[in-house]
Amino acid sequence: MDLSPEELQFLGIPDILRESISIPRKSPKAFNLITLVLIFPLSFAILAHTLFTHPILTQLQSHPLTDPSHTRHEWTLLLAFQFFYLIFLFGFSLLSTAAVVFTVASLYTSKAVLFSSTISAIPKVFKRLFITFGWIALLMFVYNSLVIAFLFMFFIAVDTQNVVLSFFAFIVILILLLGLHVYITALWHLASVVSVLEPIYGLAAMKKSYELLKGRVNMACVLVFGYLAICAVIGGTFGTVVVHGGERYGMFRRISVGGFLVGVLVIVNLVGLLVQSVFYYVCKSYHHQGIDKSALHDHLGGYLGEYVPLKSSIQMENLDT
C-alpha cells in the first residue's frame, strides 16, 4: 500500500475494496501461490463437504430404525467426517489468514515478498492466531449459549401463548443473530490481524481489536455482513444446484456450476482476507496510531529468526495504551 496515514484515515468502503483488490498486483507470484496452496483447498472444502455428508444424512432419514448397528455406523461416520472437516476448516482458515496478513504487511514495509519466507513465518504466526482464536471460540460459546437460552424462552412463550414474552425473546434473538454475531466476527478478524502485526495475542489482541473498532463499528459490520451474505448466497446456490439438483440438472451442468462457485468463493475469501488487513491500517490511522514501517519490518523479521530490537515503536505504543 502506498497510501499515507492521512489518506488511510478517510477511506470509505469502496476505497477499501479497491485498495484490497489492487494489492495482489504488487506481488502476483506470492499471492497466486497462497491462493492455490491455502485458499483454494479452504474454499473447496467449505462447499464440497456437503457432497459427502448429504448421502449419509439421506440414509439416516430414510430408514433410521431398521438396522441399529448400521445406524450407529452411519452416525459414527458422519461425526468423524464433521470432526476432521472442522479441524481442516479452522486450520486452513488460520493458515490463510497468517499468509495474507504477513504478505500484505511485508509489502507495506517494502520488505521482500517471497512465498517461501511467508511459509517459513507461518508456524510462529499460527501459534499466536490459534491462541487468539481460542479466546474467540470461548466468546462464541457464550454467544451460542445465549442464543439457545432465548430460543428456549421463545418456544416456551409461544407454547404458553405469552405474547409479550415471545415478542421480547424474538427481538433479542434477532439482535443476537444479526447484530452481535456480525460484531463478534469483525472483532475476530481484526484481532487476527493484530495478533500477526503487533507483539500481543490472545485476550490482549481482542482488547486491542475492541479499541480499534471504536468509531469504525458500522463500517466493519457492513463489510462483514456483506462477506457473510455473499458466502451464504454461494453456499445456497451450491446446495440447490450441485448437492440437491441431481434430478433437475445434468451432471455436466452441476460440475460446471460447482467449479464456477468454488472459483468465486476463492476470490471472495482472498478479497476478504485482504480487506481485513487493509481495514486494520484504516482503524490505526483513524485513531492516530501510526505504524513505524521500520519497527513493523523488524517485527515481521522476528518470525523469520531475524534480529528484533528490544524496543520498537509498536511495542512502545502498546505500553502507552
C-alpha atoms as a PDB file:
ATOM      1  CA  MET A   1       0.000   0.000   0.000  1.00  0.00           C
ATOM      2  CA  ASP A   2       1.296   3.408  -0.958  1.00  0.00           C
ATOM      3  CA  LEU A   3      -1.285   5.438   0.931  1.00  0.00           C
ATOM      4  CA  SER A   4      -0.289   7.799   3.737  1.00  0.00           C
ATOM      5  CA  PRO A   5      -1.887   7.558   7.226  1.00  0.00           C
ATOM      6  CA  GLU A   6      -3.949  10.658   6.424  1.00  0.00           C
ATOM      7  CA  GLU A   7      -5.300   9.034   3.253  1.00  0.00           C
ATOM      8  CA  LEU A   8      -5.991   5.736   5.039  1.00  0.00           C
ATOM      9  CA  GLN A   9      -7.944   7.547   7.746  1.00  0.00           C
ATOM     10  CA  PHE A  10     -10.622   8.738   5.322  1.00  0.00           C
ATOM     11  CA  LEU A  11     -11.008   5.617   3.198  1.00  0.00           C
ATOM     12  CA  GLY A  12     -14.605   4.528   2.688  1.00  0.00           C
ATOM     13  CA  ILE A  13     -15.859   1.032   1.957  1.00  0.00           C
ATOM     14  CA  PRO A  14     -15.479   1.346  -1.864  1.00  0.00           C
ATOM     15  CA  ASP A  15     -11.939   2.697  -1.365  1.00  0.00           C
ATOM     16  CA  ILE A  16     -11.032  -0.187   0.952  1.00  0.00           C
ATOM     17  CA  LEU A  17     -12.322  -2.715  -1.567  1.00  0.00           C
ATOM     18  CA  ARG A  18     -10.469  -1.004  -4.414  1.00  0.00           C
ATOM     19  CA  GLU A  19      -7.212  -0.869  -2.440  1.00  0.00           C
ATOM     20  CA  SER A  20      -7.565  -4.514  -1.363  1.00  0.00           C
ATOM     21  CA  ILE A  21      -8.156  -5.752  -4.890  1.00  0.00           C
ATOM     22  CA  SER A  22      -5.076  -3.883  -6.151  1.00  0.00           C
ATOM     23  CA  ILE A  23      -2.651  -5.435  -3.611  1.00  0.00           C
ATOM     24  CA  PRO A  24      -2.069  -8.823  -5.352  1.00  0.00           C
ATOM     25  CA  ARG A  25      -0.827  -6.999  -8.462  1.00  0.00           C
ATOM     26  CA  LYS A  26       2.233  -5.891  -6.488  1.00  0.00           C
ATOM     27  CA  SER A  27       3.327  -9.472  -5.851  1.00  0.00           C
ATOM     28  CA  PRO A  28       1.307 -11.737  -8.154  1.00  0.00           C
ATOM     29  CA  LYS A  29       3.512 -14.802  -7.768  1.00  0.00           C
ATOM     30  CA  ALA A  30       3.277 -14.840  -3.959  1.00  0.00           C
ATOM     31  CA  PHE A  31      -0.487 -14.310  -3.937  1.00  0.00           C
ATOM     32  CA  ASN A  32      -1.046 -16.870  -6.701  1.00  0.00           C
ATOM     33  CA  LEU A  33       0.770 -19.495  -4.639  1.00  0.00           C
ATOM     34  CA  ILE A  34      -1.066 -18.515  -1.441  1.00  0.00           C
ATOM     35  CA  THR A  35      -4.363 -18.777  -3.297  1.00  0.00           C
ATOM     36  CA  LEU A  36      -3.509 -22.144  -4.860  1.00  0.00           C
ATOM     37  CA  VAL A  37      -1.946 -23.791  -1.784  1.00  0.00           C
ATOM     38  CA  LEU A  38      -4.104 -22.383   1.035  1.00  0.00           C
ATOM     39  CA  ILE A  39      -7.228 -20.513  -0.054  1.00  0.00           C
ATOM     40  CA  PHE A  40      -8.357 -22.913  -2.793  1.00  0.00           C
ATOM     41  CA  PRO A  41      -8.360 -26.020  -0.519  1.00  0.00           C
ATOM     42  CA  LEU A  42     -10.218 -23.991   2.145  1.00  0.00           C
ATOM     43  CA  SER A  43     -12.873 -22.782  -0.314  1.00  0.00           C
ATOM     44  CA  PHE A  44     -13.265 -26.196  -1.923  1.00  0.00           C
ATOM     45  CA  ALA A  45     -13.742 -27.872   1.466  1.00  0.00           C
ATOM     46  CA  ILE A  46     -16.353 -25.316   2.577  1.00  0.00           C
ATOM     47  CA  LEU A  47     -18.571 -26.158  -0.384  1.00  0.00           C
ATOM     48  CA  ALA A  48     -17.699 -29.772  -1.164  1.00  0.00           C
ATOM     49  CA  HIS A  49     -18.142 -31.213   2.343  1.00  0.00           C
ATOM     50  CA  THR A  50     -21.931 -31.255   1.833  1.00  0.00           C
ATOM     51  CA  LEU A  51     -21.441 -33.646  -1.090  1.00  0.00           C
ATOM     52  CA  PHE A  52     -20.133 -36.232   1.409  1.00  0.00           C
ATOM     53  CA  THR A  53     -22.467 -35.537   4.325  1.00  0.00           C
ATOM     54  CA  HIS A  54     -25.675 -35.362   2.228  1.00  0.00           C
ATOM     55  CA  PRO A  55     -25.736 -39.111   1.287  1.00  0.00           C
ATOM     56  CA  ILE A  56     -25.129 -40.083   4.930  1.00  0.00           C
ATOM     57  CA  LEU A  57     -27.930 -37.815   6.173  1.00  0.00           C
ATOM     58  CA  THR A  58     -30.246 -39.164   3.464  1.00  0.00           C
ATOM     59  CA  GLN A  59     -29.652 -42.736   4.611  1.00  0.00           C
ATOM     60  CA  LEU A  60     -30.235 -41.799   8.249  1.00  0.00           C
ATOM     61  CA  GLN A  61     -33.527 -40.084   7.378  1.00  0.00           C
ATOM     62  CA  SER A  62     -34.778 -42.821   5.050  1.00  0.00           C
ATOM     63  CA  HIS A  63     -34.500 -45.765   7.478  1.00  0.00           C
ATOM     64  CA  PRO A  64     -33.374 -44.552  10.923  1.00  0.00           C
ATOM     65  CA  LEU A  65     -34.522 -47.585  12.961  1.00  0.00           C
ATOM     66  CA  THR A  66     -34.413 -50.532  10.541  1.00  0.00           C
ATOM     67  CA  ASP A  67     -30.868 -51.605  11.458  1.00  0.00           C
ATOM     68  CA  PRO A  68     -29.486 -50.157  14.735  1.00  0.00           C
ATOM     69  CA  SER A  69     -25.920 -51.318  14.020  1.00  0.00           C
ATOM     70  CA  HIS A  70     -25.994 -49.751  10.558  1.00  0.00           C
ATOM     71  CA  THR A  71     -27.447 -46.549  12.025  1.00  0.00           C
ATOM     72  CA  ARG A  72     -24.651 -46.357  14.613  1.00  0.00           C
ATOM     73  CA  HIS A  73     -22.111 -46.860  11.841  1.00  0.00           C
ATOM     74  CA  GLU A  74     -23.640 -44.008   9.805  1.00  0.00           C
ATOM     75  CA  TRP A  75     -23.681 -41.675  12.804  1.00  0.00           C
ATOM     76  CA  THR A  76     -20.066 -42.551  13.656  1.00  0.00           C
ATOM     77  CA  LEU A  77     -19.050 -41.904  10.060  1.00  0.00           C
ATOM     78  CA  LEU A  78     -20.919 -38.581   9.999  1.00  0.00           C
ATOM     79  CA  LEU A  79     -19.447 -37.345  13.298  1.00  0.00           C
ATOM     80  CA  ALA A  80     -15.928 -38.437  12.359  1.00  0.00           C
ATOM     81  CA  PHE A  81     -16.203 -36.676   8.998  1.00  0.00           C
ATOM     82  CA  GLN A  82     -17.517 -33.498  10.619  1.00  0.00           C
ATOM     83  CA  PHE A  83     -14.736 -33.589  13.226  1.00  0.00           C
ATOM     84  CA  PHE A  84     -11.946 -33.819  10.661  1.00  0.00           C
ATOM     85  CA  TYR A  85     -13.697 -31.276   8.448  1.00  0.00           C
ATOM     86  CA  LEU A  86     -13.778 -28.712  11.263  1.00  0.00           C
ATOM     87  CA  ILE A  87     -10.082 -29.305  12.008  1.00  0.00           C
ATOM     88  CA  PHE A  88      -9.258 -28.837   8.325  1.00  0.00           C
ATOM     89  CA  LEU A  89     -11.513 -25.766   8.087  1.00  0.00           C
ATOM     90  CA  PHE A  90     -10.074 -23.913  11.074  1.00  0.00           C
ATOM     91  CA  GLY A  91      -6.527 -24.997  10.286  1.00  0.00           C
ATOM     92  CA  PHE A  92      -6.555 -23.707   6.719  1.00  0.00           C
ATOM     93  CA  SER A  93      -8.517 -20.621   7.772  1.00  0.00           C
ATOM     94  CA  LEU A  94      -5.768 -19.669  10.232  1.00  0.00           C
ATOM     95  CA  LEU A  95      -3.026 -20.566   7.740  1.00  0.00           C
ATOM     96  CA  SER A  96      -4.630 -18.433   5.024  1.00  0.00           C
ATOM     97  CA  THR A  97      -5.050 -15.515   7.434  1.00  0.00           C
ATOM     98  CA  ALA A  98      -1.426 -15.755   8.563  1.00  0.00           C
ATOM     99  CA  ALA A  99      -0.111 -15.899   4.993  1.00  0.00           C
ATOM    100  CA  VAL A 100      -2.172 -13.000   3.629  1.00  0.00           C
ATOM    101  CA  VAL A 101      -1.687 -10.660   6.604  1.00  0.00           C
ATOM    102  CA  PHE A 102       2.062 -11.346   6.692  1.00  0.00           C
ATOM    103  CA  THR A 103       2.413 -10.784   2.934  1.00  0.00           C
ATOM    104  CA  VAL A 104       0.389  -7.550   2.919  1.00  0.00           C
ATOM    105  CA  ALA A 105       2.429  -6.217   5.858  1.00  0.00           C
ATOM    106  CA  SER A 106       5.659  -7.124   4.067  1.00  0.00           C
ATOM    107  CA  LEU A 107       4.525  -5.138   1.040  1.00  0.00           C
ATOM    108  CA  TYR A 108       3.554  -2.240   3.315  1.00  0.00           C
ATOM    109  CA  THR A 109       7.086  -2.134   4.757  1.00  0.00           C
ATOM    110  CA  SER A 110       8.758  -2.681   1.355  1.00  0.00           C
ATOM    111  CA  LYS A 111      10.105  -5.985   2.646  1.00  0.00           C
ATOM    112  CA  ALA A 112      10.977  -8.615   0.045  1.00  0.00           C
ATOM    113  CA  VAL A 113       7.888 -10.756  -0.549  1.00  0.00           C
ATOM    114  CA  LEU A 114       8.604 -14.415  -1.221  1.00  0.00           C
ATOM    115  CA  PHE A 115       6.211 -17.317  -0.791  1.00  0.00           C
ATOM    116  CA  SER A 116       8.995 -19.300   0.873  1.00  0.00           C
ATOM    117  CA  SER A 117       9.528 -16.601   3.512  1.00  0.00           C
ATOM    118  CA  THR A 118       5.784 -16.446   4.159  1.00  0.00           C
ATOM    119  CA  ILE A 119       5.652 -20.218   4.655  1.00  0.00           C
ATOM    120  CA  SER A 120       8.674 -20.007   6.984  1.00  0.00           C
ATOM    121  CA  ALA A 121       6.933 -17.394   9.136  1.00  0.00           C
ATOM    122  CA  ILE A 122       3.603 -19.255   9.366  1.00  0.00           C
ATOM    123  CA  PRO A 123       4.479 -21.638  12.274  1.00  0.00           C
ATOM    124  CA  LYS A 124       5.094 -18.764  14.723  1.00  0.00           C
ATOM    125  CA  VAL A 125       2.204 -16.728  13.352  1.00  0.00           C
ATOM    126  CA  PHE A 126      -0.099 -19.753  13.511  1.00  0.00           C
ATOM    127  CA  LYS A 127       0.573 -20.251  17.232  1.00  0.00           C
ATOM    128  CA  ARG A 128      -0.413 -16.658  18.005  1.00  0.00           C
ATOM    129  CA  LEU A 129      -3.522 -16.857  15.831  1.00  0.00           C
ATOM    130  CA  PHE A 130      -4.549 -20.146  17.430  1.00  0.00           C
ATOM    131  CA  ILE A 131      -4.382 -18.656  20.927  1.00  0.00           C
ATOM    132  CA  THR A 132      -6.430 -15.662  19.794  1.00  0.00           C
ATOM    133  CA  PHE A 133      -8.936 -17.987  18.146  1.00  0.00           C
ATOM    134  CA  GLY A 134      -9.207 -19.932  21.406  1.00  0.00           C
ATOM    135  CA  TRP A 135     -10.465 -16.796  23.189  1.00  0.00           C
ATOM    136  CA  ILE A 136     -12.814 -16.030  20.301  1.00  0.00           C
ATOM    137  CA  ALA A 137     -14.148 -19.603  20.500  1.00  0.00           C
ATOM    138  CA  LEU A 138     -14.849 -19.057  24.204  1.00  0.00           C
ATOM    139  CA  LEU A 139     -16.708 -15.850  23.369  1.00  0.00           C
ATOM    140  CA  MET A 140     -18.688 -17.680  20.655  1.00  0.00           C
ATOM    141  CA  PHE A 141     -19.591 -20.393  23.175  1.00  0.00           C
ATOM    142  CA  VAL A 142     -21.100 -17.765  25.481  1.00  0.00           C
ATOM    143  CA  TYR A 143     -22.876 -16.195  22.497  1.00  0.00           C
ATOM    144  CA  ASN A 144     -24.328 -19.526  21.342  1.00  0.00           C
ATOM    145  CA  SER A 145     -25.450 -20.299  24.894  1.00  0.00           C
ATOM    146  CA  LEU A 146     -27.377 -17.013  24.967  1.00  0.00           C
ATOM    147  CA  VAL A 147     -28.987 -17.767  21.612  1.00  0.00           C
ATOM    148  CA  ILE A 148     -30.078 -21.237  22.778  1.00  0.00           C
ATOM    149  CA  ALA A 149     -31.415 -19.826  26.053  1.00  0.00           C
ATOM    150  CA  PHE A 150     -33.555 -17.201  24.312  1.00  0.00           C
ATOM    151  CA  LEU A 151     -34.716 -19.721  21.707  1.00  0.00           C
ATOM    152  CA  PHE A 152     -35.858 -21.951  24.569  1.00  0.00           C
ATOM    153  CA  MET A 153     -37.609 -18.949  26.126  1.00  0.00           C
ATOM    154  CA  PHE A 154     -39.273 -18.121  22.793  1.00  0.00           C
ATOM    155  CA  PHE A 155     -40.674 -21.650  22.346  1.00  0.00           C
ATOM    156  CA  ILE A 156     -41.984 -21.664  25.912  1.00  0.00           C
ATOM    157  CA  ALA A 157     -43.619 -18.269  25.358  1.00  0.00           C
ATOM    158  CA  VAL A 158     -45.252 -19.459  22.124  1.00  0.00           C
ATOM    159  CA  ASP A 159     -46.439 -22.668  23.789  1.00  0.00           C
ATOM    160  CA  THR A 160     -47.962 -20.734  26.703  1.00  0.00           C
ATOM    161  CA  GLN A 161     -49.290 -18.028  24.326  1.00  0.00           C
ATOM    162  CA  ASN A 162     -47.407 -15.298  26.193  1.00  0.00           C
ATOM    163  CA  VAL A 163     -47.341 -12.588  23.524  1.00  0.00           C
ATOM    164  CA  VAL A 164     -45.144 -10.134  25.430  1.00  0.00           C
ATOM    165  CA  LEU A 165     -42.507 -12.712  26.348  1.00  0.00           C
ATOM    166  CA  SER A 166     -42.469 -14.231  22.854  1.00  0.00           C
ATOM    167  CA  PHE A 167     -42.055 -10.787  21.238  1.00  0.00           C
ATOM    168  CA  PHE A 168     -39.239  -9.893  23.671  1.00  0.00           C
ATOM    169  CA  ALA A 169     -37.437 -13.186  23.051  1.00  0.00           C
ATOM    170  CA  PHE A 170     -37.846 -12.807  19.279  1.00  0.00           C
ATOM    171  CA  ILE A 171     -36.347  -9.288  19.299  1.00  0.00           C
ATOM    172  CA  VAL A 172     -33.406 -10.414  21.454  1.00  0.00           C
ATOM    173  CA  ILE A 173     -32.771 -13.415  19.185  1.00  0.00           C
ATOM    174  CA  LEU A 174     -32.886 -11.155  16.128  1.00  0.00           C
ATOM    175  CA  ILE A 175     -30.348  -8.787  17.692  1.00  0.00           C
ATOM    176  CA  LEU A 176     -28.108 -11.670  18.776  1.00  0.00           C
ATOM    177  CA  LEU A 177     -28.241 -13.477  15.452  1.00  0.00           C
ATOM    178  CA  LEU A 178     -27.712 -10.443  13.249  1.00  0.00           C
ATOM    179  CA  GLY A 179     -26.001  -7.647  15.150  1.00  0.00           C
ATOM    180  CA  LEU A 180     -23.902  -9.414  17.773  1.00  0.00           C
ATOM    181  CA  HIS A 181     -22.800 -12.246  15.505  1.00  0.00           C
ATOM    182  CA  VAL A 182     -21.568  -9.784  12.877  1.00  0.00           C
ATOM    183  CA  TYR A 183     -19.772  -7.701  15.530  1.00  0.00           C
ATOM    184  CA  ILE A 184     -18.030 -10.742  17.046  1.00  0.00           C
ATOM    185  CA  THR A 185     -16.923 -11.806  13.563  1.00  0.00           C
ATOM    186  CA  ALA A 186     -15.498  -8.321  12.932  1.00  0.00           C
ATOM    187  CA  LEU A 187     -13.745  -8.440  16.325  1.00  0.00           C
ATOM    188  CA  TRP A 188     -12.271 -11.839  15.476  1.00  0.00           C
ATOM    189  CA  HIS A 189     -10.957 -10.784  12.056  1.00  0.00           C
ATOM    190  CA  LEU A 190      -9.357  -7.603  13.370  1.00  0.00           C
ATOM    191  CA  ALA A 191      -7.886  -9.428  16.378  1.00  0.00           C
ATOM    192  CA  SER A 192      -6.309 -11.922  13.961  1.00  0.00           C
ATOM    193  CA  VAL A 193      -4.514  -9.111  12.145  1.00  0.00           C
ATOM    194  CA  VAL A 194      -3.419  -7.586  15.465  1.00  0.00           C
ATOM    195  CA  SER A 195      -2.012 -10.967  16.548  1.00  0.00           C
ATOM    196  CA  VAL A 196       0.234 -11.050  13.477  1.00  0.00           C
ATOM    197  CA  LEU A 197       1.345  -7.423  13.280  1.00  0.00           C
ATOM    198  CA  GLU A 198       1.742  -6.498  16.944  1.00  0.00           C
ATOM    199  CA  PRO A 199       3.581  -8.180  19.848  1.00  0.00           C
ATOM    200  CA  ILE A 200       0.285  -9.179  21.519  1.00  0.00           C
ATOM    201  CA  TYR A 201      -2.170 -12.001  21.009  1.00  0.00           C
ATOM    202  CA  GLY A 202      -4.999 -13.794  22.761  1.00  0.00           C
ATOM    203  CA  LEU A 203      -7.096 -11.718  25.126  1.00  0.00           C
ATOM    204  CA  ALA A 204      -4.813  -8.696  24.670  1.00  0.00           C
ATOM    205  CA  ALA A 205      -5.351  -8.820  20.900  1.00  0.00           C
ATOM    206  CA  MET A 206      -9.115  -8.977  21.426  1.00  0.00           C
ATOM    207  CA  LYS A 207      -8.958  -5.944  23.699  1.00  0.00           C
ATOM    208  CA  LYS A 208      -6.866  -4.048  21.151  1.00  0.00           C
ATOM    209  CA  SER A 209      -9.303  -5.041  18.412  1.00  0.00           C
ATOM    210  CA  TYR A 210     -12.204  -3.740  20.501  1.00  0.00           C
ATOM    211  CA  GLU A 211     -10.434  -0.396  20.920  1.00  0.00           C
ATOM    212  CA  LEU A 212      -9.592  -0.146  17.212  1.00  0.00           C
ATOM    213  CA  LEU A 213     -13.201  -0.828  16.210  1.00  0.00           C
ATOM    214  CA  LYS A 214     -14.458   2.218  18.119  1.00  0.00           C
ATOM    215  CA  GLY A 215     -15.680   4.746  15.597  1.00  0.00           C
ATOM    216  CA  ARG A 216     -15.475   2.197  12.805  1.00  0.00           C
ATOM    217  CA  VAL A 217     -18.048  -0.357  14.011  1.00  0.00           C
ATOM    218  CA  ASN A 218     -20.623   0.466  11.328  1.00  0.00           C
ATOM    219  CA  MET A 219     -18.043   0.146   8.569  1.00  0.00           C
ATOM    220  CA  ALA A 220     -16.775  -3.149   9.987  1.00  0.00           C
ATOM    221  CA  CYS A 221     -20.301  -4.574  10.300  1.00  0.00           C
ATOM    222  CA  VAL A 222     -21.163  -3.615   6.718  1.00  0.00           C
ATOM    223  CA  LEU A 223     -18.004  -5.314   5.418  1.00  0.00           C
ATOM    224  CA  VAL A 224     -18.556  -8.470   7.495  1.00  0.00           C
ATOM    225  CA  PHE A 225     -22.276  -8.661   6.728  1.00  0.00           C
ATOM    226  CA  GLY A 226     -21.535  -8.272   3.012  1.00  0.00           C
ATOM    227  CA  TYR A 227     -18.947 -11.065   3.151  1.00  0.00           C
ATOM    228  CA  LEU A 228     -21.269 -13.406   5.078  1.00  0.00           C
ATOM    229  CA  ALA A 229     -24.191 -12.628   2.760  1.00  0.00           C
ATOM    230  CA  ILE A 230     -22.140 -13.391  -0.371  1.00  0.00           C
ATOM    231  CA  CYS A 231     -20.889 -16.659   1.173  1.00  0.00           C
ATOM    232  CA  ALA A 232     -24.476 -17.587   2.095  1.00  0.00           C
ATOM    233  CA  VAL A 233     -25.656 -16.997  -1.486  1.00  0.00           C
ATOM    234  CA  ILE A 234     -22.767 -19.075  -2.877  1.00  0.00           C
ATOM    235  CA  GLY A 235     -23.409 -21.877  -0.393  1.00  0.00           C
ATOM    236  CA  GLY A 236     -27.160 -21.838  -1.012  1.00  0.00           C
ATOM    237  CA  THR A 237     -26.707 -21.959  -4.785  1.00  0.00           C
ATOM    238  CA  PHE A 238     -24.175 -24.798  -4.485  1.00  0.00           C
ATOM    239  CA  GLY A 239     -26.554 -26.782  -2.299  1.00  0.00           C
ATOM    240  CA  THR A 240     -29.541 -26.231  -4.602  1.00  0.00           C
ATOM    241  CA  VAL A 241     -27.811 -26.978  -7.914  1.00  0.00           C
ATOM    242  CA  VAL A 242     -24.890 -29.282  -7.109  1.00  0.00           C
ATOM    243  CA  VAL A 243     -25.936 -31.188  -3.978  1.00  0.00           C
ATOM    244  CA  HIS A 244     -29.720 -31.432  -4.358  1.00  0.00           C
ATOM    245  CA  GLY A 245     -30.070 -30.837  -8.095  1.00  0.00           C
ATOM    246  CA  GLY A 246     -29.394 -34.354  -9.345  1.00  0.00           C
ATOM    247  CA  GLU A 247     -32.881 -34.798 -10.840  1.00  0.00           C
ATOM    248  CA  ARG A 248     -33.290 -31.285 -12.248  1.00  0.00           C
ATOM    249  CA  TYR A 249     -29.792 -30.627 -13.582  1.00  0.00           C
ATOM    250  CA  GLY A 250     -27.476 -32.804 -15.627  1.00  0.00           C
ATOM    251  CA  MET A 251     -24.061 -33.959 -14.446  1.00  0.00           C
ATOM    252  CA  PHE A 252     -22.209 -31.565 -16.764  1.00  0.00           C
ATOM    253  CA  ARG A 253     -24.198 -28.546 -15.553  1.00  0.00           C
ATOM    254  CA  ARG A 254     -23.731 -29.498 -11.911  1.00  0.00           C
ATOM    255  CA  ILE A 255     -19.958 -29.893 -12.356  1.00  0.00           C
ATOM    256  CA  SER A 256     -19.739 -26.617 -14.279  1.00  0.00           C
ATOM    257  CA  VAL A 257     -21.749 -24.671 -11.712  1.00  0.00           C
ATOM    258  CA  GLY A 258     -19.836 -26.299  -8.843  1.00  0.00           C
ATOM    259  CA  GLY A 259     -16.459 -25.396 -10.314  1.00  0.00           C
ATOM    260  CA  PHE A 260     -17.594 -21.854 -11.028  1.00  0.00           C
ATOM    261  CA  LEU A 261     -18.894 -21.374  -7.458  1.00  0.00           C
ATOM    262  CA  VAL A 262     -15.671 -22.736  -5.954  1.00  0.00           C
ATOM    263  CA  GLY A 263     -13.731 -20.227  -8.066  1.00  0.00           C
ATOM    264  CA  VAL A 264     -15.997 -17.386  -6.956  1.00  0.00           C
ATOM    265  CA  LEU A 265     -15.610 -18.396  -3.300  1.00  0.00           C
ATOM    266  CA  VAL A 266     -11.810 -18.472  -3.701  1.00  0.00           C
ATOM    267  CA  ILE A 267     -11.894 -14.865  -4.934  1.00  0.00           C
ATOM    268  CA  VAL A 268     -14.307 -13.817  -2.169  1.00  0.00           C
ATOM    269  CA  ASN A 269     -12.130 -15.380   0.544  1.00  0.00           C
ATOM    270  CA  LEU A 270      -8.948 -13.824  -0.853  1.00  0.00           C
ATOM    271  CA  VAL A 271     -10.532 -10.373  -1.068  1.00  0.00           C
ATOM    272  CA  GLY A 272     -11.995 -10.833   2.424  1.00  0.00           C
ATOM    273  CA  LEU A 273      -8.548 -11.542   3.880  1.00  0.00           C
ATOM    274  CA  LEU A 274      -7.076  -8.569   2.032  1.00  0.00           C
ATOM    275  CA  VAL A 275      -9.894  -6.314   3.263  1.00  0.00           C
ATOM    276  CA  GLN A 276      -9.331  -7.243   6.902  1.00  0.00           C
ATOM    277  CA  SER A 277      -5.633  -6.410   6.503  1.00  0.00           C
ATOM    278  CA  VAL A 278      -6.348  -3.010   4.928  1.00  0.00           C
ATOM    279  CA  PHE A 279      -9.095  -2.312   7.461  1.00  0.00           C
ATOM    280  CA  TYR A 280      -6.549  -2.738  10.272  1.00  0.00           C
ATOM    281  CA  TYR A 281      -4.449   0.111   8.847  1.00  0.00           C
ATOM    282  CA  VAL A 282      -7.590   2.212   8.371  1.00  0.00           C
ATOM    283  CA  CYS A 283      -8.524   1.768  12.052  1.00  0.00           C
ATOM    284  CA  LYS A 284      -4.974   2.534  13.189  1.00  0.00           C
ATOM    285  CA  SER A 285      -4.945   5.730  11.136  1.00  0.00           C
ATOM    286  CA  TYR A 286      -8.406   6.722  12.365  1.00  0.00           C
ATOM    287  CA  HIS A 287      -7.149   6.549  15.962  1.00  0.00           C
ATOM    288  CA  HIS A 288      -3.911   8.351  15.001  1.00  0.00           C
ATOM    289  CA  GLN A 289      -1.850   5.248  15.855  1.00  0.00           C
ATOM    290  CA  GLY A 290       0.589   5.355  13.003  1.00  0.00           C
ATOM    291  CA  ILE A 291       2.817   2.333  12.448  1.00  0.00           C
ATOM    292  CA  ASP A 292       6.535   2.872  12.083  1.00  0.00           C
ATOM    293  CA  LYS A 293       7.415   0.864   8.969  1.00  0.00           C
ATOM    294  CA  SER A 294      10.939   0.123  10.202  1.00  0.00           C
ATOM    295  CA  ALA A 295       9.577  -1.219  13.522  1.00  0.00           C
ATOM    296  CA  LEU A 296       7.000  -3.329  11.697  1.00  0.00           C
ATOM    297  CA  HIS A 297       9.755  -4.555   9.355  1.00  0.00           C
ATOM    298  CA  ASP A 298      11.769  -5.727  12.371  1.00  0.00           C
ATOM    299  CA  HIS A 299       8.675  -7.300  13.945  1.00  0.00           C
ATOM    300  CA  LEU A 300       7.971  -9.324  10.798  1.00  0.00           C
ATOM    301  CA  GLY A 301      11.621 -10.308  10.626  1.00  0.00           C
ATOM    302  CA  GLY A 302      11.275 -11.830  14.095  1.00  0.00           C
ATOM    303  CA  TYR A 303       9.057 -14.551  12.625  1.00  0.00           C
ATOM    304  CA  LEU A 304      11.918 -15.479  10.312  1.00  0.00           C
ATOM    305  CA  GLY A 305      14.538 -15.590  13.055  1.00  0.00           C
ATOM    306  CA  GLU A 306      15.980 -12.207  12.203  1.00  0.00           C
ATOM    307  CA  TYR A 307      17.156  -9.691  14.788  1.00  0.00           C
ATOM    308  CA  VAL A 308      14.365  -7.890  16.659  1.00  0.00           C
ATOM    309  CA  PRO A 309      15.181  -4.784  18.755  1.00  0.00           C
ATOM    310  CA  LEU A 310      14.220  -4.876  22.425  1.00  0.00           C
ATOM    311  CA  LYS A 311      12.184  -1.711  21.942  1.00  0.00           C
ATOM    312  CA  SER A 312      10.159  -0.787  18.893  1.00  0.00           C
ATOM    313  CA  SER A 313       7.648   1.943  18.240  1.00  0.00           C
ATOM    314  CA  ILE A 314       4.911  -0.714  18.087  1.00  0.00           C
ATOM    315  CA  GLN A 315       5.909  -2.069  21.500  1.00  0.00           C
ATOM    316  CA  MET A 316       6.140   1.418  22.969  1.00  0.00           C
ATOM    317  CA  GLU A 317       2.715   2.237  21.579  1.00  0.00           C
ATOM    318  CA  ASN A 318       1.232  -0.771  23.358  1.00  0.00           C
ATOM    319  CA  LEU A 319       2.925   0.261  26.585  1.00  0.00           C
ATOM    320  CA  ASP A 320       1.387   3.710  26.281  1.00  0.00           C
ATOM    321  CA  THR A 321      -2.165   2.449  25.614  1.00  0.00           C
END
